[in-house]
Amino acid sequence: MAQPSAGGTGSAAEASRPERESSSRTAASGTTVEVTIRDEISSRQYSAGHAVEGSVSRDVLDNRGRVVIPAGSDVALEITKISPSNAGDTRGEGTLELTVTSISVNGASHAARAILGINDIPHTMKGRGVTKGQGTDLAVGAAVGALAGQLIGKNTKSTVIGGAVGAVGGGAVAVAGAQRDIIVAAGTHISFALPQSITVK
């Protein structure tokens, strides 16, 4: 009687083994992960090294359709490159690079280093306008123009005209020196491919 009992126990163990093994789920390397950026990124406010937070936008599944990385999971990113356009470049886009560092799943952090360049990240460019220094250029231009007009014309009309011409010149200097900032709006969606597989239980 003992022998059949032992055989029955073995059969039960074998039957339960696949169930235990199936509790592990793996998102293969190369699987696309969609992420939502939580806060605005601006080249006027931040520099390289600044941490950025995001969250998974859509469930990431394994090859059997089971959820590996649930939507809402935290994603840690870092700004690795960021700068405004060059001064006076009204069409330039500056630089921007984000690096995904990890994904947290059910409280466990998983390394997931992936680099996204400026063409991978939806963004806009925003002019800085006239800064304090550029405003000084405008004021100095107006003052110098007014003085020149007064010396040349020696009357109020010449002073006014000279001031206006000087202001235009100062304004041209200010515009030439203006920069445009890269802005990534809060809620922006990005995506990347997993650099290596992630397995969860």
C-alpha atoms as a PDB file:
ATOM      1  CA  MET A   1       0.000   0.000   0.000  1.00  0.00           C
ATOM      2  CA  ALA A   2       2.897   2.370   0.733  1.00  0.00           C
ATOM      3  CA  GLN A   3       4.236   2.161  -2.807  1.00  0.00           C
ATOM      4  CA  PRO A   4       1.107   3.512  -4.583  1.00  0.00           C
ATOM      5  CA  SER A   5       0.909   6.254  -1.983  1.00  0.00           C
ATOM      6  CA  ALA A   6       4.461   7.361  -2.778  1.00  0.00           C
ATOM      7  CA  GLY A   7       3.694   7.324  -6.482  1.00  0.00           C
ATOM      8  CA  GLY A   8       0.606   9.453  -5.939  1.00  0.00           C
ATOM      9  CA  THR A   9       2.612  12.023  -4.008  1.00  0.00           C
ATOM     10  CA  GLY A  10       5.146  12.223  -6.813  1.00  0.00           C
ATOM     11  CA  SER A  11       2.428  12.748  -9.399  1.00  0.00           C
ATOM     12  CA  ALA A  12       0.939  15.611  -7.383  1.00  0.00           C
ATOM     13  CA  ALA A  13       4.345  17.288  -7.110  1.00  0.00           C
ATOM     14  CA  GLU A  14       4.907  17.005 -10.854  1.00  0.00           C
ATOM     15  CA  ALA A  15       1.445  18.387 -11.560  1.00  0.00           C
ATOM     16  CA  SER A  16       2.062  21.443  -9.390  1.00  0.00           C
ATOM     17  CA  ARG A  17       5.524  22.191 -10.792  1.00  0.00           C
ATOM     18  CA  PRO A  18       4.350  23.791 -14.066  1.00  0.00           C
ATOM     19  CA  GLU A  19       1.970  25.979 -12.100  1.00  0.00           C
ATOM     20  CA  ARG A  20       4.813  27.268  -9.934  1.00  0.00           C
ATOM     21  CA  GLU A  21       7.013  27.845 -12.949  1.00  0.00           C
ATOM     22  CA  SER A  22       4.267  29.753 -14.775  1.00  0.00           C
ATOM     23  CA  SER A  23       4.100  32.302 -11.963  1.00  0.00           C
ATOM     24  CA  SER A  24       7.230  33.931 -13.433  1.00  0.00           C
ATOM     25  CA  ARG A  25       6.561  36.348 -16.274  1.00  0.00           C
ATOM     26  CA  THR A  26       9.175  37.822 -18.598  1.00  0.00           C
ATOM     27  CA  ALA A  27       9.130  40.832 -20.878  1.00  0.00           C
ATOM     28  CA  ALA A  28      11.692  40.023 -23.541  1.00  0.00           C
ATOM     29  CA  SER A  29      14.543  42.288 -24.576  1.00  0.00           C
ATOM     30  CA  GLY A  30      13.330  44.653 -27.289  1.00  0.00           C
ATOM     31  CA  THR A  31       9.790  44.871 -25.906  1.00  0.00           C
ATOM     32  CA  THR A  32       8.365  48.383 -26.295  1.00  0.00           C
ATOM     33  CA  VAL A  33       7.595  50.296 -23.114  1.00  0.00           C
ATOM     34  CA  GLU A  34       5.414  53.408 -23.318  1.00  0.00           C
ATOM     35  CA  VAL A  35       6.051  56.092 -20.701  1.00  0.00           C
ATOM     36  CA  THR A  36       4.373  59.341 -19.647  1.00  0.00           C
ATOM     37  CA  ILE A  37       6.635  62.154 -18.401  1.00  0.00           C
ATOM     38  CA  ARG A  38       5.150  63.535 -15.185  1.00  0.00           C
ATOM     39  CA  ASP A  39       6.671  67.024 -14.985  1.00  0.00           C
ATOM     40  CA  GLU A  40       7.710  69.660 -17.501  1.00  0.00           C
ATOM     41  CA  ILE A  41      11.328  69.667 -18.650  1.00  0.00           C
ATOM     42  CA  SER A  42      12.894  72.981 -19.677  1.00  0.00           C
ATOM     43  CA  SER A  43      16.426  73.856 -20.726  1.00  0.00           C
ATOM     44  CA  ARG A  44      15.982  77.151 -18.882  1.00  0.00           C
ATOM     45  CA  GLN A  45      15.371  75.407 -15.544  1.00  0.00           C
ATOM     46  CA  TYR A  46      17.294  72.144 -15.688  1.00  0.00           C
ATOM     47  CA  SER A  47      20.762  70.907 -16.562  1.00  0.00           C
ATOM     48  CA  ALA A  48      22.345  67.523 -17.223  1.00  0.00           C
ATOM     49  CA  GLY A  49      22.100  65.202 -14.230  1.00  0.00           C
ATOM     50  CA  HIS A  50      18.592  66.252 -13.214  1.00  0.00           C
ATOM     51  CA  ALA A  51      16.304  63.330 -12.324  1.00  0.00           C
ATOM     52  CA  VAL A  52      13.003  62.972 -14.190  1.00  0.00           C
ATOM     53  CA  GLU A  53      10.024  60.876 -13.164  1.00  0.00           C
ATOM     54  CA  GLY A  54       7.686  58.989 -15.470  1.00  0.00           C
ATOM     55  CA  SER A  55       5.170  56.177 -15.350  1.00  0.00           C
ATOM     56  CA  VAL A  56       4.348  53.271 -17.654  1.00  0.00           C
ATOM     57  CA  SER A  57       1.401  54.277 -19.838  1.00  0.00           C
ATOM     58  CA  ARG A  58       0.233  50.817 -20.885  1.00  0.00           C
ATOM     59  CA  ASP A  59       0.585  47.284 -19.512  1.00  0.00           C
ATOM     60  CA  VAL A  60       3.674  45.497 -20.826  1.00  0.00           C
ATOM     61  CA  LEU A  61       2.882  41.850 -21.606  1.00  0.00           C
ATOM     62  CA  ASP A  62       4.851  38.643 -21.998  1.00  0.00           C
ATOM     63  CA  ASN A  63       4.541  36.338 -25.015  1.00  0.00           C
ATOM     64  CA  ARG A  64       1.516  34.658 -23.408  1.00  0.00           C
ATOM     65  CA  GLY A  65      -0.367  37.908 -22.921  1.00  0.00           C
ATOM     66  CA  ARG A  66       0.228  38.114 -19.164  1.00  0.00           C
ATOM     67  CA  VAL A  67       1.054  41.460 -17.528  1.00  0.00           C
ATOM     68  CA  VAL A  68       4.740  41.826 -16.632  1.00  0.00           C
ATOM     69  CA  ILE A  69       4.949  45.576 -16.058  1.00  0.00           C
ATOM     70  CA  PRO A  70       1.589  47.108 -15.073  1.00  0.00           C
ATOM     71  CA  ALA A  71       0.508  50.532 -16.290  1.00  0.00           C
ATOM     72  CA  GLY A  72       1.372  53.111 -13.645  1.00  0.00           C
ATOM     73  CA  SER A  73       4.703  51.510 -12.706  1.00  0.00           C
ATOM     74  CA  ASP A  74       7.357  54.114 -11.864  1.00  0.00           C
ATOM     75  CA  VAL A  75      10.074  54.848 -14.420  1.00  0.00           C
ATOM     76  CA  ALA A  76      13.257  56.677 -13.404  1.00  0.00           C
ATOM     77  CA  LEU A  77      14.978  58.827 -16.026  1.00  0.00           C
ATOM     78  CA  GLU A  78      17.875  61.269 -16.049  1.00  0.00           C
ATOM     79  CA  ILE A  79      18.602  64.269 -18.247  1.00  0.00           C
ATOM     80  CA  THR A  80      21.990  63.446 -19.756  1.00  0.00           C
ATOM     81  CA  LYS A  81      22.131  66.326 -22.242  1.00  0.00           C
ATOM     82  CA  ILE A  82      20.140  69.560 -22.432  1.00  0.00           C
ATOM     83  CA  SER A  83      20.816  73.044 -23.765  1.00  0.00           C
ATOM     84  CA  PRO A  84      18.918  75.865 -25.508  1.00  0.00           C
ATOM     85  CA  SER A  85      19.519  76.866 -29.102  1.00  0.00           C
ATOM     86  CA  ASN A  86      22.596  78.909 -29.907  1.00  0.00           C
ATOM     87  CA  ALA A  87      22.223  82.643 -29.407  1.00  0.00           C
ATOM     88  CA  GLY A  88      20.639  84.231 -32.460  1.00  0.00           C
ATOM     89  CA  ASP A  89      19.700  80.888 -34.044  1.00  0.00           C
ATOM     90  CA  THR A  90      15.959  81.230 -34.596  1.00  0.00           C
ATOM     91  CA  ARG A  91      15.639  77.739 -36.084  1.00  0.00           C
ATOM     92  CA  GLY A  92      18.073  75.708 -34.022  1.00  0.00           C
ATOM     93  CA  GLU A  93      16.804  73.137 -31.524  1.00  0.00           C
ATOM     94  CA  GLY A  94      19.637  72.935 -29.032  1.00  0.00           C
ATOM     95  CA  THR A  95      20.302  69.515 -27.485  1.00  0.00           C
ATOM     96  CA  LEU A  96      18.258  67.031 -25.448  1.00  0.00           C
ATOM     97  CA  GLU A  97      18.921  63.480 -24.288  1.00  0.00           C
ATOM     98  CA  LEU A  98      17.099  61.427 -21.673  1.00  0.00           C
ATOM     99  CA  THR A  99      18.360  58.158 -20.226  1.00  0.00           C
ATOM    100  CA  VAL A 100      15.971  55.621 -18.728  1.00  0.00           C
ATOM    101  CA  THR A 101      17.696  54.120 -15.686  1.00  0.00           C
ATOM    102  CA  SER A 102      15.171  51.785 -14.056  1.00  0.00           C
ATOM    103  CA  ILE A 103      11.581  50.558 -13.841  1.00  0.00           C
ATOM    104  CA  SER A 104       9.894  49.670 -10.549  1.00  0.00           C
ATOM    105  CA  VAL A 105       7.479  46.727 -10.599  1.00  0.00           C
ATOM    106  CA  ASN A 106       5.552  45.898  -7.434  1.00  0.00           C
ATOM    107  CA  GLY A 107       8.170  47.652  -5.318  1.00  0.00           C
ATOM    108  CA  ALA A 108      11.184  45.989  -6.963  1.00  0.00           C
ATOM    109  CA  SER A 109      13.548  48.066  -9.108  1.00  0.00           C
ATOM    110  CA  HIS A 110      14.739  46.622 -12.426  1.00  0.00           C
ATOM    111  CA  ALA A 111      17.648  48.116 -14.385  1.00  0.00           C
ATOM    112  CA  ALA A 112      16.590  49.272 -17.839  1.00  0.00           C
ATOM    113  CA  ARG A 113      19.163  51.624 -19.344  1.00  0.00           C
ATOM    114  CA  ALA A 114      17.937  53.127 -22.605  1.00  0.00           C
ATOM    115  CA  ILE A 115      18.890  56.420 -24.275  1.00  0.00           C
ATOM    116  CA  LEU A 116      16.425  58.691 -26.072  1.00  0.00           C
ATOM    117  CA  GLY A 117      17.688  61.502 -28.294  1.00  0.00           C
ATOM    118  CA  ILE A 118      15.999  64.750 -29.223  1.00  0.00           C
ATOM    119  CA  ASN A 119      14.230  63.135 -32.199  1.00  0.00           C
ATOM    120  CA  ASP A 120      12.681  60.512 -29.887  1.00  0.00           C
ATOM    121  CA  ILE A 121      11.131  63.067 -27.530  1.00  0.00           C
ATOM    122  CA  PRO A 122       8.166  65.298 -28.510  1.00  0.00           C
ATOM    123  CA  HIS A 123       9.092  68.874 -27.610  1.00  0.00           C
ATOM    124  CA  THR A 124       8.604  72.523 -28.504  1.00  0.00           C
ATOM    125  CA  MET A 125      10.958  75.487 -28.688  1.00  0.00           C
ATOM    126  CA  LYS A 126      10.154  78.663 -26.751  1.00  0.00           C
ATOM    127  CA  GLY A 127      11.917  81.990 -27.106  1.00  0.00           C
ATOM    128  CA  ARG A 128      13.312  83.470 -23.923  1.00  0.00           C
ATOM    129  CA  GLY A 129      12.340  87.008 -24.900  1.00  0.00           C
ATOM    130  CA  VAL A 130      14.470  89.975 -23.913  1.00  0.00           C
ATOM    131  CA  THR A 131      16.553  89.170 -20.877  1.00  0.00           C
ATOM    132  CA  LYS A 132      17.887  91.754 -18.427  1.00  0.00           C
ATOM    133  CA  GLY A 133      21.194  91.972 -20.274  1.00  0.00           C
ATOM    134  CA  GLN A 134      19.499  92.299 -23.631  1.00  0.00           C
ATOM    135  CA  GLY A 135      17.197  94.960 -22.209  1.00  0.00           C
ATOM    136  CA  THR A 136      20.336  96.868 -21.266  1.00  0.00           C
ATOM    137  CA  ASP A 137      21.479  96.655 -24.898  1.00  0.00           C
ATOM    138  CA  LEU A 138      18.153  98.171 -25.932  1.00  0.00           C
ATOM    139  CA  ALA A 139      18.387 100.995 -23.375  1.00  0.00           C
ATOM    140  CA  VAL A 140      22.011 101.763 -24.172  1.00  0.00           C
ATOM    141  CA  GLY A 141      21.249 101.805 -27.892  1.00  0.00           C
ATOM    142  CA  ALA A 142      18.443 104.301 -27.335  1.00  0.00           C
ATOM    143  CA  ALA A 143      20.602 106.510 -25.113  1.00  0.00           C
ATOM    144  CA  VAL A 144      23.560 106.519 -27.490  1.00  0.00           C
ATOM    145  CA  GLY A 145      21.269 107.213 -30.436  1.00  0.00           C
ATOM    146  CA  ALA A 146      19.640 110.096 -28.583  1.00  0.00           C
ATOM    147  CA  LEU A 147      23.008 111.608 -27.699  1.00  0.00           C
ATOM    148  CA  ALA A 148      24.227 111.292 -31.282  1.00  0.00           C
ATOM    149  CA  GLY A 149      21.032 112.894 -32.565  1.00  0.00           C
ATOM    150  CA  GLN A 150      21.407 115.773 -30.159  1.00  0.00           C
ATOM    151  CA  LEU A 151      25.036 116.387 -31.093  1.00  0.00           C
ATOM    152  CA  ILE A 152      24.301 116.253 -34.803  1.00  0.00           C
ATOM    153  CA  GLY A 153      20.970 118.064 -34.991  1.00  0.00           C
ATOM    154  CA  LYS A 154      21.219 120.086 -31.780  1.00  0.00           C
ATOM    155  CA  ASN A 155      17.437 120.052 -31.308  1.00  0.00           C
ATOM    156  CA  THR A 156      14.704 117.966 -29.700  1.00  0.00           C
ATOM    157  CA  LYS A 157      13.546 116.412 -32.974  1.00  0.00           C
ATOM    158  CA  SER A 158      17.008 115.117 -33.757  1.00  0.00           C
ATOM    159  CA  THR A 159      17.287 113.714 -30.237  1.00  0.00           C
ATOM    160  CA  VAL A 160      14.008 111.801 -30.606  1.00  0.00           C
ATOM    161  CA  ILE A 161      14.933 110.448 -34.027  1.00  0.00           C
ATOM    162  CA  GLY A 162      18.377 109.445 -32.815  1.00  0.00           C
ATOM    163  CA  GLY A 163      16.865 107.696 -29.822  1.00  0.00           C
ATOM    164  CA  ALA A 164      14.477 105.736 -32.019  1.00  0.00           C
ATOM    165  CA  VAL A 165      17.254 104.685 -34.382  1.00  0.00           C
ATOM    166  CA  GLY A 166      19.432 103.689 -31.444  1.00  0.00           C
ATOM    167  CA  ALA A 167      16.624 101.656 -29.921  1.00  0.00           C
ATOM    168  CA  VAL A 168      16.176  99.762 -33.185  1.00  0.00           C
ATOM    169  CA  GLY A 169      19.889  99.015 -33.235  1.00  0.00           C
ATOM    170  CA  GLY A 170      19.834  97.903 -29.609  1.00  0.00           C
ATOM    171  CA  GLY A 171      16.783  95.772 -30.321  1.00  0.00           C
ATOM    172  CA  ALA A 172      18.600  94.082 -33.182  1.00  0.00           C
ATOM    173  CA  VAL A 173      21.433  93.197 -30.812  1.00  0.00           C
ATOM    174  CA  ALA A 174      18.928  91.816 -28.292  1.00  0.00           C
ATOM    175  CA  VAL A 175      17.182  89.683 -30.908  1.00  0.00           C
ATOM    176  CA  ALA A 176      20.499  88.435 -32.255  1.00  0.00           C
ATOM    177  CA  GLY A 177      21.446  87.340 -28.756  1.00  0.00           C
ATOM    178  CA  ALA A 178      18.131  85.695 -27.887  1.00  0.00           C
ATOM    179  CA  GLN A 179      17.977  81.939 -27.254  1.00  0.00           C
ATOM    180  CA  ARG A 180      15.162  79.424 -27.542  1.00  0.00           C
ATOM    181  CA  ASP A 181      14.560  76.829 -24.864  1.00  0.00           C
ATOM    182  CA  ILE A 182      13.605  73.184 -25.315  1.00  0.00           C
ATOM    183  CA  ILE A 183      10.324  72.421 -23.545  1.00  0.00           C
ATOM    184  CA  VAL A 184       8.962  68.929 -22.900  1.00  0.00           C
ATOM    185  CA  ALA A 185       5.439  69.329 -21.546  1.00  0.00           C
ATOM    186  CA  ALA A 186       4.167  67.420 -18.528  1.00  0.00           C
ATOM    187  CA  GLY A 187       2.200  64.422 -19.766  1.00  0.00           C
ATOM    188  CA  THR A 188       4.367  63.925 -22.858  1.00  0.00           C
ATOM    189  CA  HIS A 189       4.444  60.323 -24.119  1.00  0.00           C
ATOM    190  CA  ILE A 190       7.711  58.644 -25.052  1.00  0.00           C
ATOM    191  CA  SER A 191       8.621  55.027 -25.736  1.00  0.00           C
ATOM    192  CA  PHE A 192      11.721  52.862 -25.680  1.00  0.00           C
ATOM    193  CA  ALA A 193      12.736  49.235 -26.203  1.00  0.00           C
ATOM    194  CA  LEU A 194      13.837  47.207 -23.189  1.00  0.00           C
ATOM    195  CA  PRO A 195      17.623  46.786 -23.400  1.00  0.00           C
ATOM    196  CA  GLN A 196      17.371  43.471 -21.567  1.00  0.00           C
ATOM    197  CA  SER A 197      14.589  41.181 -20.423  1.00  0.00           C
ATOM    198  CA  ILE A 198      12.728  41.816 -17.155  1.00  0.00           C
ATOM    199  CA  THR A 199      11.334  38.897 -15.171  1.00  0.00           C
ATOM    200  CA  VAL A 200       8.839  39.302 -12.332  1.00  0.00           C
ATOM    201  CA  LYS A 201       7.029  36.830 -10.064  1.00  0.00           C
END
